[in-house]
């Protein structure tokens, strides 16, 4: 891989992507993100890869629905309680 742009740590990449460092490592292992492995064994992620992935994440995100109405309230289970008052 040609070195172009800044390289960031897996932890920094995770912070920018708002996922855990383990998720970033999994994505690297699966080939979703390219990374450089240093002689020390640590991985560094090009910022261009992070930007590319962020772009894909925003493309796939569902549209935000705007409404003046509040979200509907969730109801408790309609299951009748057992003899101790717990839903069955």
N, C-alpha and C. Protein backbone atom coordinates (compact mmCIF):
# COMPACT_ATOMS: atom_id res chain seq x y z
N UNK A 1 0.86 -1.18 0.00
CA UNK A 1 0.00 0.00 0.00
C UNK A 1 0.90 1.23 0.00
N UNK A 2 0.60 2.16 -0.86
CA UNK A 2 1.39 3.39 -0.91
C UNK A 2 1.02 4.27 0.27
N UNK A 3 2.02 4.91 0.82
CA UNK A 3 1.78 5.78 1.97
C UNK A 3 1.34 7.14 1.46
N UNK A 4 0.09 7.44 1.61
CA UNK A 4 -0.42 8.75 1.23
C UNK A 4 -1.38 9.20 2.32
N UNK A 5 -1.17 10.38 2.81
CA UNK A 5 -2.03 10.89 3.86
C UNK A 5 -1.58 10.44 5.23
N UNK A 6 -2.31 10.90 6.21
CA UNK A 6 -1.98 10.63 7.60
C UNK A 6 -2.49 9.25 8.02
N UNK A 7 -1.72 8.56 8.84
CA UNK A 7 -2.13 7.28 9.41
C UNK A 7 -2.54 7.50 10.86
N UNK A 8 -3.62 6.86 11.27
CA UNK A 8 -4.10 7.00 12.64
C UNK A 8 -4.17 5.62 13.29
N UNK A 9 -4.15 5.59 14.60
CA UNK A 9 -4.23 4.33 15.34
C UNK A 9 -5.62 3.73 15.22
N UNK A 10 -5.73 2.46 15.54
CA UNK A 10 -7.03 1.78 15.53
C UNK A 10 -7.98 2.47 16.51
N UNK A 11 -7.47 2.87 17.66
CA UNK A 11 -8.32 3.56 18.65
C UNK A 11 -8.84 4.89 18.15
N UNK A 12 -7.97 5.65 17.48
CA UNK A 12 -8.41 6.94 16.93
C UNK A 12 -9.43 6.73 15.80
N UNK A 13 -9.18 5.72 14.97
CA UNK A 13 -10.13 5.40 13.89
C UNK A 13 -11.48 5.02 14.50
N UNK A 14 -11.45 4.23 15.56
CA UNK A 14 -12.69 3.82 16.22
C UNK A 14 -13.45 5.03 16.76
N UNK A 15 -12.72 5.98 17.33
CA UNK A 15 -13.36 7.19 17.85
C UNK A 15 -14.04 7.98 16.75
N UNK A 16 -13.38 8.10 15.60
CA UNK A 16 -13.95 8.85 14.48
C UNK A 16 -15.18 8.14 13.90
N UNK A 17 -15.13 6.81 13.91
CA UNK A 17 -16.24 6.03 13.35
C UNK A 17 -17.33 5.73 14.38
N UNK A 18 -17.09 6.08 15.63
CA UNK A 18 -18.01 5.86 16.74
C UNK A 18 -18.34 4.38 16.91
N UNK A 19 -17.29 3.55 16.86
CA UNK A 19 -17.39 2.12 17.12
C UNK A 19 -16.26 1.74 18.06
N UNK A 20 -16.21 0.50 18.50
CA UNK A 20 -15.14 0.07 19.40
C UNK A 20 -13.88 -0.26 18.60
N UNK A 21 -12.70 -0.20 19.23
CA UNK A 21 -11.47 -0.59 18.54
C UNK A 21 -11.53 -2.04 18.04
N UNK A 22 -12.20 -2.91 18.77
CA UNK A 22 -12.35 -4.30 18.33
C UNK A 22 -13.12 -4.39 17.02
N UNK A 23 -14.12 -3.54 16.85
CA UNK A 23 -14.88 -3.52 15.60
C UNK A 23 -13.99 -3.11 14.45
N UNK A 24 -13.16 -2.10 14.67
CA UNK A 24 -12.24 -1.65 13.61
C UNK A 24 -11.28 -2.79 13.25
N UNK A 25 -10.76 -3.49 14.26
CA UNK A 25 -9.86 -4.62 13.98
C UNK A 25 -10.57 -5.70 13.18
N UNK A 26 -11.83 -5.98 13.53
CA UNK A 26 -12.60 -6.97 12.77
C UNK A 26 -12.80 -6.53 11.33
N UNK A 27 -13.10 -5.25 11.12
CA UNK A 27 -13.29 -4.73 9.77
C UNK A 27 -12.00 -4.83 8.96
N UNK A 28 -10.87 -4.58 9.62
CA UNK A 28 -9.57 -4.71 8.94
C UNK A 28 -9.36 -6.17 8.54
N UNK A 29 -9.60 -7.09 9.48
CA UNK A 29 -9.41 -8.52 9.21
C UNK A 29 -10.32 -9.01 8.08
N UNK A 30 -11.53 -8.46 7.99
CA UNK A 30 -12.48 -8.87 6.96
C UNK A 30 -12.27 -8.14 5.64
N UNK A 31 -11.38 -7.14 5.63
CA UNK A 31 -11.08 -6.42 4.40
C UNK A 31 -11.98 -5.23 4.12
N UNK A 32 -12.79 -4.83 5.08
CA UNK A 32 -13.66 -3.66 4.88
C UNK A 32 -12.85 -2.37 4.92
N UNK A 33 -11.75 -2.38 5.67
CA UNK A 33 -10.86 -1.22 5.80
C UNK A 33 -9.44 -1.71 5.54
N UNK A 34 -8.68 -0.93 4.79
CA UNK A 34 -7.27 -1.26 4.61
C UNK A 34 -6.47 -0.63 5.75
N UNK A 35 -5.42 -1.29 6.15
CA UNK A 35 -4.56 -0.79 7.23
C UNK A 35 -3.12 -1.19 6.95
N UNK A 36 -2.22 -0.49 7.61
CA UNK A 36 -0.79 -0.77 7.51
C UNK A 36 -0.37 -1.41 8.82
N UNK A 37 0.37 -2.51 8.74
CA UNK A 37 0.89 -3.14 9.95
C UNK A 37 2.34 -2.69 10.12
N UNK A 38 2.63 -2.12 11.27
CA UNK A 38 3.97 -1.65 11.59
C UNK A 38 4.85 -2.81 12.02
N UNK A 39 6.18 -2.64 12.00
CA UNK A 39 7.07 -3.70 12.47
C UNK A 39 6.77 -4.14 13.91
N UNK A 40 6.21 -3.22 14.70
CA UNK A 40 5.86 -3.55 16.08
C UNK A 40 4.61 -4.42 16.18
N UNK A 41 3.90 -4.61 15.06
CA UNK A 41 2.67 -5.39 15.06
C UNK A 41 1.42 -4.54 15.15
N UNK A 42 1.56 -3.27 15.50
CA UNK A 42 0.41 -2.37 15.58
C UNK A 42 -0.10 -2.06 14.18
N UNK A 43 -1.39 -1.77 14.10
CA UNK A 43 -1.99 -1.41 12.81
C UNK A 43 -2.30 0.08 12.81
N UNK A 44 -2.12 0.69 11.67
CA UNK A 44 -2.48 2.09 11.46
C UNK A 44 -3.43 2.16 10.27
N UNK A 45 -4.41 3.03 10.37
CA UNK A 45 -5.44 3.16 9.34
C UNK A 45 -5.27 4.51 8.64
N UNK A 46 -5.20 4.52 7.31
CA UNK A 46 -5.14 5.80 6.59
C UNK A 46 -6.43 6.59 6.80
N UNK A 47 -6.29 7.90 6.98
CA UNK A 47 -7.48 8.73 7.17
C UNK A 47 -8.41 8.65 5.97
N UNK A 48 -7.85 8.43 4.79
CA UNK A 48 -8.69 8.31 3.59
C UNK A 48 -9.65 7.13 3.71
N UNK A 49 -9.19 6.04 4.34
CA UNK A 49 -10.06 4.87 4.53
C UNK A 49 -11.21 5.21 5.47
N UNK A 50 -10.92 5.99 6.50
CA UNK A 50 -11.96 6.38 7.46
C UNK A 50 -12.98 7.26 6.77
N UNK A 51 -12.51 8.23 5.98
CA UNK A 51 -13.42 9.12 5.26
C UNK A 51 -14.29 8.34 4.29
N UNK A 52 -13.69 7.37 3.60
CA UNK A 52 -14.44 6.56 2.64
C UNK A 52 -15.53 5.76 3.36
N UNK A 53 -15.18 5.17 4.50
CA UNK A 53 -16.15 4.38 5.24
C UNK A 53 -17.26 5.26 5.83
N UNK A 54 -16.89 6.44 6.31
CA UNK A 54 -17.90 7.35 6.84
C UNK A 54 -18.89 7.74 5.75
N UNK A 55 -18.39 7.97 4.54
CA UNK A 55 -19.27 8.31 3.42
C UNK A 55 -20.25 7.19 3.14
N UNK A 56 -19.76 5.93 3.16
CA UNK A 56 -20.65 4.79 2.94
C UNK A 56 -21.67 4.66 4.06
N UNK A 57 -21.25 4.93 5.29
CA UNK A 57 -22.17 4.80 6.42
C UNK A 57 -23.31 5.81 6.30
N UNK A 58 -22.99 7.04 5.84
CA UNK A 58 -24.04 8.06 5.71
C UNK A 58 -24.94 7.76 4.53
N UNK A 59 -24.41 7.14 3.48
CA UNK A 59 -25.24 6.76 2.33
C UNK A 59 -26.27 5.71 2.74
N UNK A 60 -25.87 4.77 3.60
CA UNK A 60 -26.73 3.66 3.98
C UNK A 60 -27.66 3.99 5.14
N UNK A 61 -27.41 5.10 5.82
CA UNK A 61 -28.22 5.46 7.00
C UNK A 61 -29.65 5.77 6.57
N UNK A 62 -30.64 5.35 7.34
CA UNK A 62 -32.02 5.67 6.99
C UNK A 62 -32.26 7.17 7.14
N UNK A 63 -33.18 7.71 6.36
CA UNK A 63 -33.45 9.14 6.47
C UNK A 63 -34.06 9.48 7.82
N UNK A 64 -33.76 10.66 8.29
CA UNK A 64 -34.30 11.12 9.56
C UNK A 64 -35.67 11.71 9.28
N UNK A 65 -36.67 11.22 10.01
CA UNK A 65 -38.02 11.74 9.83
C UNK A 65 -38.23 12.88 10.81
N UNK A 66 -38.66 13.99 10.26
CA UNK A 66 -38.92 15.14 11.10
C UNK A 66 -40.43 15.26 11.32
N UNK A 67 -40.80 15.44 12.56
CA UNK A 67 -42.21 15.54 12.90
C UNK A 67 -42.34 16.38 14.16
N UNK A 68 -43.43 17.10 14.24
CA UNK A 68 -43.71 17.87 15.45
C UNK A 68 -44.38 17.01 16.51
N UNK A 69 -44.85 15.82 16.11
CA UNK A 69 -45.52 14.94 17.05
C UNK A 69 -44.50 14.16 17.87
N UNK A 70 -44.78 13.97 19.16
CA UNK A 70 -43.86 13.17 19.97
C UNK A 70 -43.91 11.70 19.56
N UNK A 71 -42.87 10.99 19.87
CA UNK A 71 -42.82 9.57 19.57
C UNK A 71 -43.91 8.86 20.36
N UNK A 72 -44.50 7.80 19.79
CA UNK A 72 -45.55 7.10 20.53
C UNK A 72 -44.99 6.45 21.78
N UNK A 73 -45.80 6.44 22.83
CA UNK A 73 -45.38 5.83 24.09
C UNK A 73 -45.44 4.33 23.96
N UNK A 74 -44.49 3.68 24.56
CA UNK A 74 -44.49 2.23 24.56
C UNK A 74 -45.36 1.73 25.70
N UNK A 75 -46.14 0.71 25.44
CA UNK A 75 -47.01 0.15 26.45
C UNK A 75 -46.32 -1.01 27.14
N UNK A 76 -46.66 -1.19 28.38
CA UNK A 76 -46.18 -2.37 29.09
C UNK A 76 -46.86 -3.60 28.53
N UNK A 77 -46.28 -4.72 28.77
CA UNK A 77 -46.83 -5.97 28.28
C UNK A 77 -48.27 -6.14 28.73
N UNK A 78 -49.09 -6.65 27.84
CA UNK A 78 -50.49 -6.89 28.17
C UNK A 78 -50.71 -8.29 28.74
N UNK A 79 -49.63 -9.01 29.02
CA UNK A 79 -49.73 -10.35 29.57
C UNK A 79 -50.17 -10.25 31.03
N UNK A 80 -51.17 -11.01 31.44
CA UNK A 80 -51.63 -10.93 32.84
C UNK A 80 -50.54 -11.43 33.79
N UNK A 81 -50.43 -10.82 34.95
CA UNK A 81 -49.39 -11.25 35.91
C UNK A 81 -49.70 -12.63 36.51
N UNK A 82 -48.66 -13.27 36.96
CA UNK A 82 -48.85 -14.54 37.64
C UNK A 82 -49.21 -14.25 39.11
N UNK A 83 -49.21 -15.26 39.95
CA UNK A 83 -49.64 -15.07 41.34
C UNK A 83 -48.71 -14.15 42.14
N UNK A 84 -47.48 -13.93 41.67
CA UNK A 84 -46.57 -13.03 42.39
C UNK A 84 -46.53 -11.63 41.76
N UNK A 85 -47.37 -11.41 40.75
CA UNK A 85 -47.42 -10.10 40.15
C UNK A 85 -46.45 -9.90 38.99
N UNK A 86 -45.77 -10.97 38.57
CA UNK A 86 -44.82 -10.87 37.48
C UNK A 86 -45.48 -11.31 36.17
N UNK A 87 -45.18 -10.63 35.04
CA UNK A 87 -45.74 -11.08 33.76
C UNK A 87 -45.20 -12.47 33.44
N UNK A 88 -46.05 -13.30 32.86
CA UNK A 88 -45.62 -14.66 32.48
C UNK A 88 -45.34 -14.74 31.00
